[in-house]
Protein backbone atom coordinates (compact mmCIF):
# COMPACT_ATOMS: atom_id res chain seq x y z
CA SER A 1 16.58 -18.47 -9.44
CA THR A 2 19.17 -19.12 -7.34
CA SER A 3 21.60 -16.42 -8.71
CA ARG A 4 18.78 -14.03 -8.93
CA LEU A 5 18.30 -14.54 -5.08
CA ALA A 6 22.15 -14.20 -4.32
CA GLN A 7 21.92 -10.66 -6.42
CA ILE A 8 19.96 -9.16 -3.91
CA SER A 9 20.77 -6.61 -2.01
CA ARG A 10 22.01 -8.03 2.08
CA SER A 11 19.33 -5.60 3.37
CA GLU A 12 16.55 -6.52 1.42
CA PHE A 13 15.90 -9.79 4.27
CA ILE A 14 13.27 -9.93 7.40
CA MET A 15 12.40 -12.91 9.12
CA ALA A 16 8.88 -12.72 11.50
CA ASP A 17 10.34 -13.20 14.72
CA LYS A 18 7.95 -15.29 16.76
CA LYS A 19 8.20 -13.90 19.83
CA ASP A 20 6.88 -10.83 18.83
CA THR A 21 3.98 -12.40 17.19
CA TYR A 22 0.18 -11.27 18.22
CA SER A 23 -3.57 -12.74 17.94
CA SER A 24 -5.87 -12.55 15.29
CA SER A 25 -7.60 -9.64 17.32
CA PHE A 26 -4.78 -7.71 18.47
CA ALA A 27 -3.55 -7.96 14.64
CA PHE A 28 -7.21 -6.21 13.77
CA ALA A 29 -6.62 -3.24 16.44
CA TYR A 30 -3.03 -3.23 14.78
CA ILE A 31 -4.04 -2.57 10.96
CA PHE A 32 -7.04 -0.22 12.15
CA ASN A 33 -4.76 2.47 13.89
CA LEU A 34 -1.70 2.22 11.17
CA ILE A 35 -4.11 3.05 8.71
CA VAL A 36 -6.29 5.74 10.64
CA GLY A 37 -3.94 8.60 10.40
CA LEU A 38 -3.38 12.18 8.92
CA GLY A 39 -5.02 11.97 6.06
CA ALA A 40 -8.04 11.16 8.30
CA LEU A 41 -7.97 14.73 9.46
CA SER A 42 -7.97 16.23 5.66
CA LEU A 43 -11.14 14.23 4.61
CA PRO A 44 -14.11 16.42 5.80
CA ASN A 45 -12.95 19.59 4.16
CA ALA A 46 -12.77 17.04 0.79
CA PHE A 47 -15.58 15.59 0.83
CA SER A 48 -17.55 18.77 1.80
CA GLY A 49 -15.93 20.35 -1.55
CA ALA A 50 -17.10 17.12 -3.39
CA GLY A 51 -20.50 17.47 -2.33
CA TYR A 52 -21.91 14.74 -0.18
CA ILE A 53 -23.41 12.08 -2.67
CA LEU A 54 -20.36 12.51 -4.79
CA GLY A 55 -17.98 12.46 -1.82
CA ILE A 56 -19.35 8.98 -0.17
CA VAL A 57 -19.36 7.55 -3.50
CA LEU A 58 -16.23 8.21 -4.24
CA MET A 59 -15.01 7.00 -0.68
CA VAL A 60 -16.69 4.10 -1.28
CA VAL A 61 -15.24 2.97 -4.16
CA LEU A 62 -12.05 4.36 -3.09
CA CYS A 63 -12.24 1.97 -0.25
CA VAL A 64 -12.96 -1.52 -1.89
CA MET A 65 -9.83 -0.81 -4.57
CA SER A 66 -7.87 -0.27 -1.39
CA TYR A 67 -8.86 -3.39 -0.37
CA VAL A 68 -8.77 -4.97 -3.83
CA THR A 69 -5.14 -4.24 -3.84
CA ALA A 70 -4.12 -5.10 -0.45
CA THR A 71 -4.96 -8.61 -1.68
CA TYR A 72 -2.67 -8.53 -4.04
CA VAL A 73 -0.08 -7.45 -2.01
CA ILE A 74 -0.91 -10.55 0.73
CA GLU A 75 -0.41 -13.08 -2.30
CA ALA A 76 2.87 -11.63 -3.41
CA MET A 77 3.86 -11.63 0.02
CA ALA A 78 2.84 -15.59 0.06
CA ALA A 79 4.11 -16.05 -3.57
CA ALA A 80 7.70 -14.97 -2.05
CA ASN A 81 7.97 -17.59 0.81
CA ALA A 82 6.96 -20.07 -1.28
CA TYR A 83 9.56 -18.74 -4.05
CA VAL A 84 12.46 -18.69 -1.48
CA ARG A 85 11.42 -22.24 -0.54
CA LEU A 86 10.98 -23.98 -3.55
CA GLU A 87 14.87 -22.01 -4.31
CA ALA A 88 16.38 -23.58 -0.57
CA LYS A 89 15.06 -27.03 -1.55
CA LYS A 90 16.26 -27.29 -5.55
CA ALA A 91 19.53 -26.29 -4.05
CA SER A 92 19.50 -28.83 -1.08
CA GLU A 93 18.64 -31.28 -3.71
CA GLU A 94 21.44 -30.49 -5.89
CA GLU A 95 23.87 -30.39 -2.63
CA ASP A 96 24.85 -26.91 -3.52
CA GLY A 97 23.52 -24.40 -0.68
CA LEU A 98 20.99 -21.70 -1.19
CA PRO A 99 23.76 -18.71 -1.59
CA SER A 100 22.16 -16.80 1.31
CA PRO A 101 24.11 -13.40 3.64
CA THR A 102 25.11 -14.46 6.88
CA SER A 103 23.70 -11.38 8.44
CA ILE A 104 21.09 -9.10 7.00
CA GLN A 105 19.66 -5.82 8.04
CA SER A 106 16.28 -5.09 7.87
CA ASP A 107 14.20 -3.70 5.02
CA VAL A 108 12.76 -0.63 6.51
CA SER A 109 9.23 -0.15 5.53
CA HIS A 110 6.86 3.25 6.09
CA SER A 111 5.23 1.20 9.63
CA ASP A 112 5.22 1.28 12.37
CA SER A 113 8.48 -1.03 12.95
CA TYR A 114 10.04 1.21 10.32
CA TYR A 115 13.40 0.61 11.57
CA THR A 116 14.52 -2.36 13.46
CA GLY A 117 18.27 -3.05 12.95
CA GLU A 118 17.78 -6.37 13.56
CA LYS A 119 20.51 -9.37 11.52
CA LYS A 120 18.80 -12.58 11.14
CA PRO A 121 19.18 -15.12 8.41
CA LEU A 122 16.85 -15.86 5.17
CA LEU A 123 15.28 -18.97 6.36
CA SER A 124 14.63 -20.48 9.02
CA LYS A 125 17.30 -23.37 10.14
CA SER A 126 14.38 -25.79 10.59
CA VAL A 127 11.01 -25.59 8.39
CA ASP A 128 7.91 -27.79 9.47
CA PRO A 129 7.69 -30.45 5.95
CA ASP A 130 3.89 -30.10 6.84
CA GLN A 131 3.93 -26.66 6.59
CA SER A 132 2.25 -25.07 3.21
CA VAL A 133 5.02 -23.56 0.67
CA PHE A 134 3.10 -20.69 0.90
CA GLU A 135 2.85 -19.97 4.29
CA ILE A 136 3.88 -16.13 5.79
CA THR A 137 6.33 -16.70 7.97
CA GLU A 138 9.34 -14.76 6.44
CA LYS A 139 8.47 -11.18 5.80
CA PHE A 140 9.33 -9.52 2.90
CA GLU A 141 8.80 -5.84 2.46
CA LEU A 142 7.49 -4.89 -1.07
CA GLY A 143 11.43 -3.50 -1.54
CA THR A 144 12.85 -7.19 -1.16
CA MET A 145 9.74 -8.93 -3.55
CA ALA A 146 10.73 -6.15 -6.16
CA ASN A 147 14.66 -7.39 -5.78
CA MET A 148 12.90 -10.66 -6.14
CA PHE A 149 9.98 -10.32 -9.42
CA TYR A 150 11.02 -7.10 -11.13
CA HIS A 151 13.23 -6.19 -14.16
CA PRO A 152 16.06 -3.75 -13.05
CA VAL A 153 14.17 -0.93 -14.82
CA GLY A 154 10.85 -1.84 -12.38
CA ILE A 155 12.91 -2.07 -9.60
CA VAL A 156 14.58 1.63 -10.07
CA LEU A 157 10.87 2.78 -10.78
CA TYR A 158 9.16 1.15 -7.31
CA TYR A 159 12.16 3.00 -5.55
CA VAL A 160 11.69 6.05 -7.26
CA CYS A 161 7.84 5.69 -6.45
CA VAL A 162 8.01 4.94 -2.48
CA CYS A 163 11.09 7.90 -2.27
CA LEU A 164 8.62 10.40 -3.70
CA TYR A 165 5.41 9.04 -1.90
CA LEU A 166 7.39 9.30 1.61
CA PHE A 167 9.00 12.54 0.64
CA GLY A 168 5.09 13.51 0.11
CA ASP A 169 4.40 12.38 3.82
CA LEU A 170 7.53 14.05 5.31
CA SER A 171 6.45 17.17 3.86
CA ILE A 172 3.02 17.36 4.71
CA TYR A 173 4.36 16.36 8.29
CA VAL A 174 6.61 19.43 8.53
CA VAL A 175 3.78 21.62 7.71
CA ALA A 176 1.10 20.23 9.65
CA ILE A 177 3.02 20.45 12.75
CA PRO A 178 4.10 24.36 12.58
CA THR A 179 0.52 24.89 11.73
CA SER A 180 -0.69 23.73 14.63
CA ILE A 181 1.40 25.49 16.80
CA ARG A 182 0.82 28.64 15.70
CA THR A 183 -3.17 28.43 15.49
CA VAL A 184 -2.92 27.37 19.55
CA VAL A 185 0.24 30.51 19.88
CA CYS A 186 -0.86 32.79 17.79
CA PRO A 187 -4.96 32.86 16.82
CA ASP A 188 -6.64 35.07 14.60
CA ILE A 189 -9.39 37.12 16.51
CA ALA A 190 -11.15 37.37 13.64
CA TYR A 191 -11.54 33.67 13.18
CA ILE A 192 -11.64 33.28 16.66
CA TYR A 193 -15.40 35.49 16.67
CA ALA A 194 -16.27 33.69 13.65
CA VAL A 195 -15.86 30.24 15.42
CA VAL A 196 -17.50 31.60 18.59
CA ASN A 197 -20.65 33.15 16.39
CA SER A 198 -20.88 30.09 14.38
CA THR A 199 -23.30 29.17 17.63
CA THR A 200 -25.86 31.07 15.80
CA ASN A 201 -24.86 31.57 12.53
CA ALA A 202 -22.43 28.80 11.13
CA SER A 203 -22.46 30.53 8.00
CA ASN A 204 -19.99 33.09 9.17
CA VAL A 205 -17.04 30.30 9.69
CA SER A 206 -16.67 30.57 5.39
CA ALA A 207 -16.24 33.93 5.82
CA ILE A 208 -12.98 33.53 7.59
CA VAL A 209 -10.16 35.08 6.47
CA ASP A 210 -7.19 33.03 5.02
CA VAL A 211 -4.61 33.69 7.49
CA GLU A 212 -2.28 31.38 6.71
CA ASN A 213 -0.54 34.02 4.53
CA SER A 214 -0.88 36.96 5.89
CA THR A 215 1.41 39.84 6.08
CA SER A 216 -1.01 42.22 7.63
CA ARG A 217 -2.48 40.06 10.96
CA TYR A 218 -0.30 40.17 13.49
CA CYS A 219 0.51 37.24 16.19
CA PHE A 220 2.70 39.13 18.64
CA GLY A 221 4.11 42.04 18.74
CA SER A 222 5.01 42.92 15.00
CA VAL A 223 5.32 39.46 13.69
CA THR A 224 2.54 38.62 11.73
CA TYR A 225 0.88 35.01 10.92
CA GLN A 226 3.39 34.05 8.01
CA GLU A 227 6.02 34.96 9.86
CA ALA A 228 5.13 33.16 13.11
CA TYR A 229 4.69 29.93 10.68
CA TYR A 230 8.20 30.35 9.51
CA ILE A 231 9.73 30.83 13.30
CA PHE A 232 7.85 27.51 14.48
CA LEU A 233 9.14 25.79 11.40
CA SER A 234 12.32 26.54 12.05
CA ILE A 235 11.65 25.42 15.75
CA VAL A 236 10.37 21.99 14.09
CA VAL A 237 13.47 21.33 11.91
CA VAL A 238 16.16 22.21 14.38
CA LEU A 239 14.38 19.42 16.93
CA LEU A 240 13.24 17.01 14.60
CA ALA A 241 15.66 16.91 11.54
CA PRO A 242 18.87 15.68 13.18
CA TRP A 243 17.25 12.72 13.88
CA SER A 244 17.67 11.66 10.14
CA PHE A 245 21.41 11.15 11.00
CA PHE A 246 20.45 8.28 13.75
CA ASN A 247 18.83 5.22 13.72
CA LEU A 248 15.42 4.58 16.01
CA GLN A 249 12.77 2.50 15.95
CA LYS A 250 8.86 3.70 17.18
CA THR A 251 8.52 1.23 20.41
CA LYS A 252 5.83 -0.91 21.18
CA VAL A 253 4.65 2.01 24.51
CA LEU A 254 5.15 5.18 21.78
CA GLN A 255 2.73 3.19 19.52
CA LEU A 256 0.30 2.72 22.45
CA ILE A 257 0.19 6.14 23.46
CA THR A 258 -0.13 7.78 20.28
CA THR A 259 -3.08 5.02 19.55
CA VAL A 260 -4.70 5.89 22.31
CA MET A 261 -4.54 10.34 21.76
CA ARG A 262 -5.34 9.16 17.88
CA ASN A 263 -8.32 7.63 19.27
CA ILE A 264 -9.38 10.16 21.80
CA ALA A 265 -9.14 12.72 19.42
CA LEU A 266 -11.41 11.20 16.47
CA THR A 267 -14.36 10.12 19.31
CA LEU A 268 -13.88 14.05 20.58
CA MET A 269 -14.24 15.57 16.92
CA ILE A 270 -17.34 13.10 16.22
CA VAL A 271 -19.31 13.98 19.97
CA ILE A 272 -18.33 17.61 19.52
CA ALA A 273 -19.75 18.24 16.18
CA LEU A 274 -22.34 16.36 16.50
CA TYR A 275 -23.04 18.41 19.40
CA HIS A 276 -23.16 21.66 17.68
CA ILE A 277 -25.39 19.99 15.21
CA PHE A 278 -27.96 19.14 16.94
CA GLU A 279 -27.79 22.50 19.29
CA GLY A 280 -29.08 23.85 15.55
CA VAL A 281 -25.26 25.00 14.59
CA HIS A 282 -25.09 22.98 10.71
CA VAL A 283 -25.42 23.98 6.69
CA ARG A 284 -26.32 21.75 3.99
CA PRO A 285 -23.29 21.01 1.40
CA ALA A 286 -23.91 20.69 -1.86
CA PRO A 287 -24.94 16.92 -2.94
CA VAL A 288 -22.38 16.62 -6.06
CA ASP A 289 -19.45 19.18 -7.26
CA PHE A 290 -16.86 17.63 -9.51
CA THR A 291 -14.66 20.15 -8.99
CA GLY A 292 -13.96 19.00 -5.72
CA PHE A 293 -12.79 15.22 -7.34
CA PRO A 294 -9.29 16.02 -7.65
CA ALA A 295 -9.02 16.47 -4.09
CA MET A 296 -11.32 14.38 -3.06
CA PHE A 297 -9.66 11.58 -4.68
CA GLY A 298 -6.02 11.98 -3.60
CA VAL A 299 -7.36 12.82 -0.28
CA SER A 300 -9.20 9.09 -0.27
CA ILE A 301 -6.05 7.46 -1.69
CA TYR A 302 -4.01 8.67 1.23
CA ALA A 303 -6.41 8.03 4.01
CA PHE A 304 -6.38 4.53 3.01
CA MET A 305 -3.25 3.83 2.15
CA CYS A 306 -1.32 0.68 4.13
CA HIS A 307 -0.26 -1.13 1.36
CA HIS A 308 3.56 -0.56 1.92
CA SER A 309 2.78 -1.75 5.64
CA LEU A 310 0.84 -5.04 4.84
CA PRO A 311 4.29 -7.23 5.38
CA GLY A 312 4.78 -5.49 8.94
CA MET A 313 1.54 -6.28 10.00
CA ILE A 314 0.24 -9.51 8.36
CA THR A 315 3.57 -11.31 9.31
CA PRO A 316 3.51 -11.41 12.67
CA MET A 317 0.27 -13.12 12.78
CA LYS A 318 0.12 -15.94 14.55
CA SER A 319 -3.03 -17.43 12.84
CA LYS A 320 -3.63 -16.42 8.85
CA ARG A 321 -6.87 -18.24 8.90
CA SER A 322 -9.60 -15.60 7.09
CA LEU A 323 -7.36 -13.09 6.78
CA PHE A 324 -8.53 -11.56 3.94
CA LEU A 325 -12.00 -11.54 6.07
CA LEU A 326 -10.33 -10.21 8.64
CA LEU A 327 -8.54 -7.72 6.46
CA GLY A 328 -11.91 -6.73 5.15
CA GLY A 329 -13.51 -6.43 8.19
CA ASP A 330 -10.84 -3.52 8.97
CA PHE A 331 -11.53 -1.63 5.83
CA MET A 332 -14.98 -1.37 6.43
CA LEU A 333 -14.92 -0.45 9.75
CA ILE A 334 -12.49 2.14 8.97
CA LEU A 335 -14.68 3.55 6.40
CA ALA A 336 -17.75 4.11 8.61
CA LEU A 337 -15.50 5.99 10.96
CA TYR A 338 -14.63 8.28 7.78
CA LEU A 339 -17.74 8.50 6.63
CA LEU A 340 -19.41 9.39 9.58
CA LEU A 341 -16.38 11.97 10.78
CA SER A 342 -16.63 13.60 6.80
CA CYS A 343 -20.68 14.17 7.50
CA VAL A 344 -20.36 15.33 10.70
CA GLY A 345 -17.66 18.17 9.31
CA ALA A 346 -19.15 18.37 6.37
CA PHE A 347 -22.56 18.97 8.19
CA TRP A 348 -21.43 21.50 10.54
CA LEU A 349 -18.95 23.54 9.00
CA GLU A 350 -19.75 25.45 5.12
CA ASN A 351 -15.96 24.77 4.70
CA PRO A 352 -13.75 22.82 7.24
CA ASN A 353 -10.09 23.63 7.53
CA PRO A 354 -7.67 21.07 5.53
CA LEU A 355 -6.51 20.63 8.89
CA PHE A 356 -10.01 19.34 10.88
CA THR A 357 -8.58 19.71 14.55
CA LEU A 358 -8.22 23.16 13.78
CA ASP A 359 -11.70 23.93 13.68
CA PHE A 360 -12.43 22.87 17.42
CA PHE A 361 -10.18 25.45 18.83
CA THR A 362 -11.12 28.51 20.80
CA PRO A 363 -8.96 30.42 23.35
CA TRP A 364 -10.00 29.84 26.99
CA GLY A 365 -10.75 33.23 27.32
CA LEU A 366 -13.43 33.01 24.70
CA ALA A 367 -14.70 30.04 24.63
CA SER A 368 -18.93 29.65 26.01
CA SER A 369 -17.76 26.04 27.91
CA LYS A 370 -14.67 25.50 29.16
CA ALA A 371 -14.81 21.99 28.76
CA LEU A 372 -15.53 22.85 24.65
CA SER A 373 -12.33 24.76 24.98
CA PHE A 374 -9.73 22.08 27.21
CA PHE A 375 -11.26 19.88 24.30
CA GLY A 376 -10.07 22.12 21.38
CA TYR A 377 -6.62 22.79 22.98
CA TYR A 378 -5.80 19.10 23.42
CA LEU A 379 -7.43 18.51 19.24
CA ALA A 380 -5.50 21.82 18.17
CA LEU A 381 -1.99 19.88 19.60
CA PHE A 382 -2.87 16.40 18.78
CA PRO A 383 -1.10 16.69 15.52
CA VAL A 384 2.11 18.24 17.24
CA PHE A 385 2.44 14.96 19.64
CA THR A 386 1.68 12.78 17.25
CA LEU A 387 3.28 13.68 14.16
CA SER A 388 6.36 14.98 16.01
CA THR A 389 6.97 11.31 16.96
CA ASN A 390 6.43 9.85 13.48
CA VAL A 391 8.77 12.65 11.58
CA PRO A 392 11.54 10.46 12.75
CA ILE A 393 10.88 7.36 11.77
CA ILE A 394 9.60 8.67 8.22
CA SER A 395 12.75 10.44 7.56
CA ILE A 396 14.44 6.97 8.82
CA THR A 397 12.40 4.87 6.56
CA LEU A 398 13.29 7.51 3.53
CA ARG A 399 16.45 7.37 4.25
CA GLU A 400 16.66 3.72 3.83
CA ASN A 401 14.81 3.72 0.77
CA ILE A 402 17.22 6.01 -0.97
CA LYS A 403 19.75 4.17 0.04
CA SER A 404 18.93 1.34 -1.69
CA LEU A 405 17.72 2.75 -4.82
CA PHE A 406 21.47 4.20 -5.00
CA ARG A 407 23.09 1.07 -4.00
CA TYR A 408 21.02 -0.86 -6.06
CA VAL A 409 21.90 1.09 -9.57
CA LEU A 410 25.64 1.51 -8.46
CA LYS A 411 26.14 -1.94 -8.09
CA ARG A 412 25.22 -2.58 -11.64
CA TRP A 413 27.59 -0.24 -12.70
CA ILE A 414 30.73 -0.56 -10.15
CA GLY A 415 29.82 -3.60 -8.70
CA ASP A 416 28.95 -4.11 -4.67
CA ARG A 417 30.63 -1.50 -2.66
CA GLU A 418 30.54 0.10 0.72
CA PHE A 419 29.12 3.84 0.75
CA PRO A 420 32.41 6.51 2.14
CA PHE A 421 31.22 7.60 5.56
CA VAL A 422 31.00 11.14 4.39
CA ILE A 423 27.87 9.29 1.96
CA ASP A 424 26.89 6.70 3.71
CA ARG A 425 26.72 9.45 7.35
CA LEU A 426 25.96 13.13 5.91
CA PHE A 427 24.90 13.24 2.10
CA PHE A 428 21.69 10.90 2.40
CA PRO A 429 20.44 12.26 5.53
CA VAL A 430 20.60 16.00 4.35
CA LEU A 431 19.40 14.72 0.96
CA VAL A 432 16.44 13.25 3.42
CA ILE A 433 15.51 16.38 4.72
CA LEU A 434 15.97 19.38 2.85
CA PRO A 435 13.50 18.66 0.21
CA PRO A 436 10.82 18.81 2.64
CA ILE A 437 11.57 21.31 4.19
CA ALA A 438 11.87 23.49 1.24
CA VAL A 439 8.09 22.41 0.56
CA ALA A 440 7.36 23.35 3.93
CA TYR A 441 8.79 26.77 3.48
CA ALA A 442 7.43 27.07 -0.46
CA THR A 443 3.83 26.54 0.53
CA GLN A 444 1.58 25.62 3.64
CA GLN A 445 -1.59 24.71 1.55
CA LEU A 446 -1.89 21.34 3.66
CA LYS A 447 -4.71 20.30 1.33
CA THR A 448 -3.02 20.14 -2.29
CA LEU A 449 0.23 18.39 -0.79
CA VAL A 450 -1.85 15.29 0.64
CA SER A 451 -3.82 15.67 -2.38
CA VAL A 452 -0.90 15.45 -4.34
CA THR A 453 0.80 12.92 -2.53
CA GLY A 454 -2.34 10.86 -2.41
CA SER A 455 -2.96 11.16 -6.10
CA PHE A 456 0.66 10.56 -7.87
CA PRO A 457 3.11 8.71 -5.74
CA GLY A 458 0.37 7.54 -3.57
CA ILE A 459 -1.65 5.89 -7.08
CA GLY A 460 1.68 4.39 -7.75
CA VAL A 461 2.17 2.43 -4.30
CA GLN A 462 -1.86 1.72 -4.03
CA TYR A 463 -2.10 0.19 -7.20
CA PHE A 464 0.28 -0.14 -9.29
CA ILE A 465 2.85 -1.64 -7.30
CA PRO A 466 0.38 -4.00 -5.69
CA LEU A 467 -0.65 -5.32 -9.58
CA THR A 468 2.40 -5.58 -10.98
CA LEU A 469 3.67 -7.13 -8.27
CA VAL A 470 1.38 -9.95 -7.85
CA TYR A 471 1.48 -10.60 -11.59
CA ALA A 472 5.38 -11.14 -11.74
CA ALA A 473 5.00 -13.09 -8.51
CA ARG A 474 2.96 -15.24 -10.61
CA LYS A 475 5.08 -14.94 -13.46
CA ALA A 476 7.65 -16.30 -10.85
CA LEU A 477 6.13 -19.37 -9.82
CA LYS A 478 5.26 -20.59 -13.19
CA GLU A 479 8.36 -20.21 -14.94
CA ARG A 480 9.79 -22.26 -11.86
CA ASN A 481 7.66 -24.66 -13.03
CA PHE A 482 5.40 -25.17 -9.78
CA GLU A 483 3.20 -27.89 -9.59
CA GLY A 484 2.36 -27.67 -6.42
CA PRO A 485 -0.84 -26.79 -4.04
CA GLU A 486 -2.95 -23.42 -4.72
CA ASN A 487 -1.63 -20.52 -2.90
CA PRO A 488 -4.08 -20.43 0.10
CA TYR A 489 -3.40 -16.49 0.12
CA ARG A 490 -4.86 -15.94 -3.65
CA SER A 491 -6.24 -12.82 -4.17
CA PRO A 492 -10.02 -13.69 -4.49
CA PHE A 493 -10.19 -10.62 -7.14
CA PRO A 494 -9.49 -12.01 -10.40
CA LEU A 495 -5.92 -10.35 -12.07
CA SER A 496 -8.03 -10.95 -15.13
CA HIS A 497 -9.60 -7.60 -14.22
CA TRP A 498 -6.12 -5.34 -13.54
CA TRP A 499 -6.80 -2.90 -16.25
CA LEU A 500 -9.76 -1.45 -14.85
CA ILE A 501 -7.92 -0.38 -11.60
CA ALA A 502 -4.76 0.89 -14.48
CA VAL A 503 -7.14 2.82 -16.02
CA TRP A 504 -9.17 4.89 -13.58
CA GLY A 505 -5.83 5.41 -11.74
CA VAL A 506 -4.78 6.73 -15.44
CA LEU A 507 -7.40 8.28 -15.93
CA SER A 508 -7.64 9.90 -11.77
CA VAL A 509 -4.39 10.92 -11.87
CA ILE A 510 -5.18 13.18 -15.98
CA LEU A 511 -8.09 14.82 -13.92
CA VAL A 512 -5.92 15.66 -10.95
CA SER A 513 -3.32 17.08 -12.72
CA ALA A 514 -5.71 19.22 -15.22
CA ASP A 515 -6.97 20.24 -11.91
CA LEU A 516 -3.52 21.56 -10.57
CA LEU A 517 -2.61 23.29 -14.05
CA VAL A 518 -5.64 25.38 -13.96
CA GLN A 519 -5.75 25.94 -9.92
CA HIS A 520 -2.16 27.32 -11.18
CA ALA A 521 -3.84 29.31 -13.96
CA PHE A 522 -6.39 30.43 -11.77
CA HIS A 523 -3.17 31.88 -9.26
CA ILE A 524 -1.23 33.47 -12.25
CA ASN A 525 -3.76 35.27 -13.60
CA ASN A 526 -5.21 36.85 -9.95
CA TYR A 527 -1.46 37.70 -8.69
């Protein structure tokens, strides 16, 4: 209803700027580069642990399901556009203008356009009468659609789920950066010789001593590996944490630089791993190992995550013809890339590093090939450069989502009020940075962090939010007695089979939870 729209927070609306539109070919590349992220670097380790047959099957299934729920998000976006247009038309017919804020702040999303600070009206001043009521011209972020279609409890659950996912995402980044720096600054000699000797005996790699929490191996002087990690983590926190107090956006130049660096890194990892395999350095992983299922599931969910970024990627497209075909092409290409990267990693090393880029590092003086050593330095430092640019953006995204959650809850209790300066500028930024820092100081288990983030809040963002959004959007239009043309962006996958995705998600959560409990019990018994 009109009153329903009027109650939505002013920070929830943003329109696509026509001058920022791009072609379908650019959108294809843009979506590809946004989906392929840190999750790709953890896939070889999880793939090797699950076995190559189980890994392939699981990755294909999760890719398909991720694509299915992505089409649900697109349908919900089109339904949101139609819903607002119908309400505007109804208000115009009643000669009572649609209540809309005079100025609004963009809703942030976890994409490359995380925070823009733009202020634009809810609806265009002029609407093409021949334009489909479902045409996706207004950008409605997931939070906007949650406020439009969800029950109040659903809105709170939405923000809780997204905030937990972003907390996990930020924790992964904060752990990966100092881990990469430590590897380059103070490489463990036993590890280095194992990698160098792997040119004749790849199984040596599996015998590498775990140095991540080592208190007996020294980095420099009397500083142990574990202490060095804490030192580098502290430096990262000092340099990056203050950005959570400010507003900024990822510029197109920075996007281009990180995209180029990412593609170079992916190409180098595949080429170098294939080089070693053809040189006779290879292993044969197990075909199926169900103990690796939970980790493979969580990492794959994380690797295919894009749903919270779809509004920012899809809306600016000039032409949305064959949109589902374009999106499907992206998923197929990414699946092929992930399978190739995972296979070369699993068949090259017996136990790939959870941060695969570190498996290529060899100090200059120990390298048999100066070129391989140079590329190894680049790959080892690649997460430092690219992830460091994302940490401030994710921090701001998380901060704004937490604000939206608090604003919504307080609004229902005491009305719409502005936050005091101390709460707005100090409390929320501190609330954003403290939990990920605490996690990073407590654990360096990157594989576990990726698996948990993907398996729990990741399932909510990738499965349950798209399912419930499209259901609620269809229900809202039905209650509006809409009898116009069919939604051209309606998902080709029937919603009647929603229970398959829901059951799959619940069973996977149960399996991952059981695996974590077993690991925890094993750790306690061996402590």
